[in-house]
Amino acid sequence: MELTVADLDHSLDYYRDEIGLEVLAREDGRASLGGHGGSELLGLVEEPGARPADGYTGLFHFALLLPERRDLARWLAHAGRDRVQLTGLSDHFVSEAIYLRDPDRHGIEIYADRPREIWEGKVMERMTTAPLDVEGLLGELDDPTSEPFEGMPAGTTMGHVHLRVSEIPETIRFYQGVLGFDLMAARGPQAAFLSAGGYHHHVGANTWESPGAPPPPAGTAALRHATIVLPDEDSRDEVVARVTDAGQEPEQTPAGPVVRDPSGNSLLLS
């Protein structure tokens, strides 16, 4: 996952102090961030003066998956003590989630999954949005007011990416029919959730803020690319072949082939 930001120093302060990510590397206007002792989860590229990409297709939010419910409780206690500004707290049945926006208005979700046996095979019927039981979550901790917070724990991953798209049926056809994801849930013409391996979703897509919208123009703080990690090189080659057969020539980059979904969102196949 790579994003454009307007002020790299300001963004790094935010992601380190409020989100809890570690700066792994920084060079030539780009910084790499991850959880404690982990690999890169997020890349930030500075473009001074970049404007928020509201009203266009692109990133709705990226979602950091914490290993345990207690880790989510610890993060929420930190947010309360340190006055981290939130935009939402939700119970999705499959997970419990906290939402916020960074200085460039990139959406962020921090979440923990409920046990897989509770929701596996029931995502279409049961995934929902209800108020988060904040008291119950903080009850995981002995004392939320003094629980230490030392950043994102080891084992934090990029659980899913949720995209703003211009149209849902065409999006489903691409992610399911071309890339090979399974459709796990759909919410009429406004949202869809797709995954591999039976997970509740690795990719979300919606038109809530972007029906018929174009991709963000130059000079915006936008999604540069999301990364799809494939099991091996053969699997990646198969996806590249299907994309080519569908009429799109993947862009070859040093990091791997890049393709675009029907809304112009860039996807790095890793």
Protein backbone atom coordinates (compact mmCIF):
# COMPACT_ATOMS: atom_id res chain seq x y z
CA MET A 1 0.00 0.00 0.00
CA GLU A 2 1.44 3.35 -1.02
CA LEU A 3 -0.09 6.80 -0.54
CA THR A 4 0.79 10.35 -1.55
CA VAL A 5 1.03 12.84 1.32
CA ALA A 6 1.52 16.60 1.31
CA ASP A 7 3.98 16.86 4.22
CA LEU A 8 6.02 13.77 5.02
CA ASP A 9 7.33 15.01 8.38
CA HIS A 10 3.81 15.79 9.56
CA SER A 11 2.50 12.43 8.34
CA LEU A 12 5.31 10.49 10.02
CA ASP A 13 4.63 12.23 13.32
CA TYR A 14 0.98 11.22 12.99
CA TYR A 15 1.58 7.60 12.04
CA ARG A 16 4.22 7.14 14.71
CA ASP A 17 2.59 8.95 17.65
CA GLU A 18 -1.13 8.45 17.02
CA ILE A 19 -1.37 5.24 14.98
CA GLY A 20 1.67 3.51 16.50
CA LEU A 21 3.57 2.43 13.39
CA GLU A 22 7.36 2.39 13.25
CA VAL A 23 9.35 4.21 10.58
CA LEU A 24 11.38 1.47 8.93
CA ALA A 25 13.19 3.57 6.33
CA ARG A 26 13.18 7.03 4.78
CA GLU A 27 14.89 8.19 1.60
CA ASP A 28 14.27 10.63 -1.26
CA GLY A 29 10.83 11.76 -0.09
CA ARG A 30 9.53 8.27 0.62
CA ALA A 31 9.09 6.57 3.98
CA SER A 32 8.28 2.96 4.87
CA LEU A 33 6.22 2.12 7.97
CA GLY A 34 5.32 -1.12 9.73
CA GLY A 35 4.39 -2.73 13.03
CA HIS A 36 6.87 -3.65 15.73
CA GLY A 37 9.64 -5.77 14.20
CA GLY A 38 7.64 -6.30 11.02
CA SER A 39 7.92 -5.62 7.32
CA GLU A 40 6.48 -2.67 5.42
CA LEU A 41 2.74 -2.19 5.70
CA LEU A 42 2.53 1.34 4.36
CA GLY A 43 4.61 3.53 2.08
CA LEU A 44 4.25 7.31 2.05
CA VAL A 45 5.50 9.47 -0.82
CA GLU A 46 5.72 13.24 -0.37
CA GLU A 47 4.24 15.62 -2.92
CA PRO A 48 4.29 19.11 -1.38
CA GLY A 49 0.97 20.88 -1.67
CA ALA A 50 -1.03 17.77 -2.56
CA ARG A 51 -4.72 18.22 -1.84
CA PRO A 52 -7.11 15.65 -0.33
CA ALA A 53 -8.70 13.42 -2.98
CA ASP A 54 -12.32 13.82 -1.85
CA GLY A 55 -14.92 13.25 -4.56
CA TYR A 56 -12.84 10.87 -6.66
CA THR A 57 -12.32 7.14 -6.84
CA GLY A 58 -9.40 5.82 -4.78
CA LEU A 59 -8.89 4.85 -1.17
CA PHE A 60 -11.86 4.67 1.20
CA HIS A 61 -9.64 3.22 3.93
CA PHE A 62 -6.85 0.79 4.56
CA ALA A 63 -7.29 -1.55 7.49
CA LEU A 64 -4.64 -2.60 10.00
CA LEU A 65 -5.53 -5.97 11.53
CA LEU A 66 -4.31 -6.48 15.10
CA PRO A 67 -3.55 -9.99 16.36
CA GLU A 68 -5.84 -10.00 19.41
CA ARG A 69 -8.91 -8.24 20.79
CA ARG A 70 -6.80 -7.08 23.73
CA ASP A 71 -4.49 -5.29 21.27
CA LEU A 72 -7.48 -3.36 19.92
CA ALA A 73 -8.55 -2.47 23.46
CA ARG A 74 -5.03 -1.25 24.20
CA TRP A 75 -5.06 0.92 21.07
CA LEU A 76 -8.46 2.40 21.98
CA ALA A 77 -7.27 3.19 25.50
CA HIS A 78 -4.28 5.01 24.00
CA ALA A 79 -6.60 6.94 21.65
CA GLY A 80 -8.74 8.05 24.57
CA ARG A 81 -5.82 9.12 26.76
CA ASP A 82 -3.94 10.88 23.96
CA ARG A 83 -7.02 12.45 22.34
CA VAL A 84 -6.62 10.79 18.96
CA GLN A 85 -9.46 12.03 16.78
CA LEU A 86 -11.74 9.22 15.61
CA THR A 87 -14.42 9.15 12.93
CA GLY A 88 -16.26 5.99 13.97
CA LEU A 89 -16.41 2.84 16.11
CA SER A 90 -18.28 -0.16 14.72
CA ASP A 91 -19.15 -3.78 15.36
CA HIS A 92 -19.32 -5.65 12.05
CA PHE A 93 -20.09 -9.08 13.61
CA VAL A 94 -17.04 -10.49 11.82
CA SER A 95 -14.82 -7.88 13.49
CA GLU A 96 -14.65 -4.88 15.78
CA ALA A 97 -13.31 -1.72 14.19
CA ILE A 98 -12.15 1.83 14.91
CA TYR A 99 -12.02 4.45 12.16
CA LEU A 100 -10.06 7.66 11.67
CA ARG A 101 -8.40 9.86 9.01
CA ASP A 102 -4.81 10.96 8.65
CA PRO A 103 -3.73 14.58 7.97
CA ASP A 104 -4.38 14.12 4.23
CA ARG A 105 -7.83 12.60 4.90
CA HIS A 106 -6.74 9.09 3.95
CA GLY A 107 -9.14 6.72 5.70
CA ILE A 108 -7.77 4.27 8.28
CA GLU A 109 -9.41 1.32 10.03
CA ILE A 110 -7.84 -0.42 13.00
CA TYR A 111 -9.58 -3.68 13.81
CA ALA A 112 -9.53 -7.13 15.36
CA ASP A 113 -11.35 -10.15 13.98
CA ARG A 114 -13.84 -12.20 15.91
CA PRO A 115 -12.99 -15.93 15.93
CA ARG A 116 -13.31 -17.33 12.42
CA GLU A 117 -15.63 -20.15 13.48
CA ILE A 118 -18.24 -17.53 14.44
CA TRP A 119 -18.56 -16.00 10.98
CA GLU A 120 -17.06 -18.42 8.45
CA GLY A 121 -19.64 -19.28 5.81
CA LYS A 122 -22.03 -16.62 7.14
CA VAL A 123 -20.46 -13.40 5.87
CA MET A 124 -23.21 -12.58 3.34
CA GLU A 125 -25.93 -12.93 5.97
CA ARG A 126 -24.23 -11.65 9.11
CA MET A 127 -21.70 -8.93 8.28
CA THR A 128 -23.27 -5.67 9.41
CA THR A 129 -22.53 -2.33 11.05
CA ALA A 130 -23.64 -1.75 14.63
CA PRO A 131 -22.29 0.46 17.43
CA LEU A 132 -19.11 -0.84 19.02
CA ASP A 133 -19.40 -2.00 22.64
CA VAL A 134 -16.65 0.31 23.87
CA GLU A 135 -17.12 -0.62 27.52
CA GLY A 136 -16.93 -4.32 26.71
CA LEU A 137 -13.83 -3.85 24.61
CA LEU A 138 -12.00 -1.80 27.24
CA GLY A 139 -13.02 -4.48 29.75
CA GLU A 140 -10.24 -6.59 28.22
CA LEU A 141 -7.79 -4.39 30.15
CA ASP A 142 -7.16 -4.28 33.90
CA ASP A 143 -6.97 -0.47 33.87
CA PRO A 144 -7.44 1.38 30.56
CA THR A 145 -6.18 4.63 32.09
CA SER A 146 -2.73 3.18 32.75
CA GLU A 147 -2.41 0.36 30.20
CA PRO A 148 0.91 0.91 28.41
CA PHE A 149 0.86 1.50 24.65
CA GLU A 150 4.06 0.71 22.81
CA GLY A 151 2.82 0.96 19.25
CA MET A 152 1.38 -1.56 16.85
CA PRO A 153 2.25 -5.05 18.08
CA ALA A 154 4.23 -7.69 16.27
CA GLY A 155 1.90 -9.58 13.97
CA THR A 156 -0.03 -6.52 12.78
CA THR A 157 -0.95 -6.97 9.11
CA MET A 158 -2.74 -5.13 6.34
CA GLY A 159 -6.03 -6.96 6.79
CA HIS A 160 -7.93 -5.43 3.89
CA VAL A 161 -8.24 -2.43 1.62
CA HIS A 162 -11.54 -0.67 0.99
CA LEU A 163 -11.79 1.32 -2.24
CA ARG A 164 -13.97 4.07 -3.59
CA VAL A 165 -15.20 2.98 -7.02
CA SER A 166 -17.45 4.50 -9.65
CA GLU A 167 -19.72 1.49 -10.18
CA ILE A 168 -20.23 -1.84 -8.38
CA PRO A 169 -21.24 -4.48 -10.98
CA GLU A 170 -18.23 -3.70 -13.16
CA THR A 171 -16.00 -3.76 -10.07
CA ILE A 172 -17.30 -7.23 -9.10
CA ARG A 173 -16.71 -8.51 -12.61
CA PHE A 174 -13.08 -7.39 -12.48
CA TYR A 175 -12.14 -8.52 -8.97
CA GLN A 176 -14.07 -11.79 -9.18
CA GLY A 177 -13.91 -12.70 -12.85
CA VAL A 178 -10.43 -11.41 -13.71
CA LEU A 179 -8.40 -11.30 -10.51
CA GLY A 180 -10.08 -14.39 -9.03
CA PHE A 181 -11.46 -13.18 -5.68
CA ASP A 182 -14.63 -14.69 -4.23
CA LEU A 183 -17.64 -12.44 -3.66
CA MET A 184 -18.40 -12.66 0.07
CA ALA A 185 -21.12 -10.03 0.45
CA ALA A 186 -22.89 -7.41 -1.63
CA ARG A 187 -25.02 -4.47 -0.58
CA GLY A 188 -27.07 -3.83 -3.71
CA PRO A 189 -25.51 -1.41 -6.19
CA GLN A 190 -23.54 0.43 -3.50
CA ALA A 191 -20.96 -1.94 -1.97
CA ALA A 192 -19.24 -5.30 -2.38
CA PHE A 193 -16.79 -7.31 -0.31
CA LEU A 194 -14.44 -9.90 -1.85
CA SER A 195 -11.74 -12.20 -0.54
CA ALA A 196 -9.51 -15.21 -1.05
CA GLY A 197 -9.51 -18.32 1.14
CA GLY A 198 -12.86 -17.71 2.81
CA TYR A 199 -11.85 -14.55 4.71
CA HIS A 200 -14.66 -12.05 5.27
CA HIS A 201 -13.01 -9.55 2.91
CA HIS A 202 -9.62 -8.58 1.59
CA VAL A 203 -11.10 -6.00 -0.77
CA GLY A 204 -14.07 -3.75 -0.11
CA ALA A 205 -15.56 -1.42 -2.71
CA ASN A 206 -18.28 1.18 -2.47
CA THR A 207 -19.91 4.07 -4.33
CA TRP A 208 -21.07 5.92 -1.21
CA GLU A 209 -18.93 8.96 -2.03
CA SER A 210 -17.98 8.23 -5.65
CA PRO A 211 -20.85 7.14 -7.97
CA GLY A 212 -19.63 7.79 -11.52
CA ALA A 213 -16.55 9.58 -10.23
CA PRO A 214 -13.25 9.82 -12.14
CA PRO A 215 -9.83 8.91 -10.72
CA PRO A 216 -8.07 11.62 -8.70
CA PRO A 217 -6.13 14.16 -10.78
CA ALA A 218 -2.45 15.01 -10.43
CA GLY A 219 -1.63 17.02 -7.35
CA THR A 220 -3.91 15.09 -4.98
CA ALA A 221 -2.99 13.11 -1.87
CA ALA A 222 -4.31 9.83 -3.19
CA LEU A 223 -3.80 6.09 -3.34
CA ARG A 224 -0.70 5.36 -5.43
CA HIS A 225 -1.31 1.62 -5.34
CA ALA A 226 -2.69 -1.16 -3.20
CA THR A 227 -0.75 -4.44 -3.11
CA ILE A 228 -2.22 -7.87 -3.81
CA VAL A 229 0.08 -10.57 -2.44
CA LEU A 230 -0.20 -13.80 -4.43
CA PRO A 231 0.98 -17.22 -3.21
CA ASP A 232 3.78 -17.61 -5.75
CA GLU A 233 5.13 -16.47 -9.11
CA ASP A 234 3.01 -18.96 -11.06
CA SER A 235 -0.15 -17.60 -9.45
CA ARG A 236 0.91 -14.08 -10.30
CA ASP A 237 1.58 -15.06 -13.92
CA GLU A 238 -1.90 -16.58 -14.15
CA VAL A 239 -3.49 -13.35 -12.94
CA VAL A 240 -1.38 -11.28 -15.34
CA ALA A 241 -2.51 -13.55 -18.20
CA ARG A 242 -6.18 -13.10 -17.28
CA VAL A 243 -5.77 -9.32 -17.09
CA THR A 244 -4.11 -9.34 -20.51
CA ASP A 245 -6.88 -11.53 -21.94
CA ALA A 246 -9.39 -9.02 -20.57
CA GLY A 247 -7.79 -6.33 -22.72
CA GLN A 248 -5.46 -4.56 -20.31
CA GLU A 249 -1.69 -4.55 -20.66
CA PRO A 250 -0.15 -4.67 -17.16
CA GLU A 251 2.53 -2.08 -16.44
CA GLN A 252 5.85 -3.70 -15.60
CA THR A 253 7.63 -2.05 -12.66
CA PRO A 254 10.66 -3.03 -10.53
CA ALA A 255 8.25 -4.04 -7.73
CA GLY A 256 6.10 -6.17 -10.02
CA PRO A 257 3.26 -5.80 -12.54
CA VAL A 258 0.69 -3.08 -11.91
CA VAL A 259 -2.88 -3.31 -13.17
CA ARG A 260 -5.85 -0.98 -12.83
CA ASP A 261 -9.39 -1.78 -11.83
CA PRO A 262 -12.33 -0.30 -13.81
CA SER A 263 -12.28 2.81 -11.58
CA GLY A 264 -8.59 3.48 -12.19
CA ASN A 265 -7.32 2.18 -8.84
CA SER A 266 -3.77 0.85 -9.23
CA LEU A 267 -2.99 -2.64 -7.93
CA LEU A 268 0.54 -3.99 -7.54
CA LEU A 269 0.65 -7.76 -8.01
CA SER A 270 3.32 -9.03 -5.66
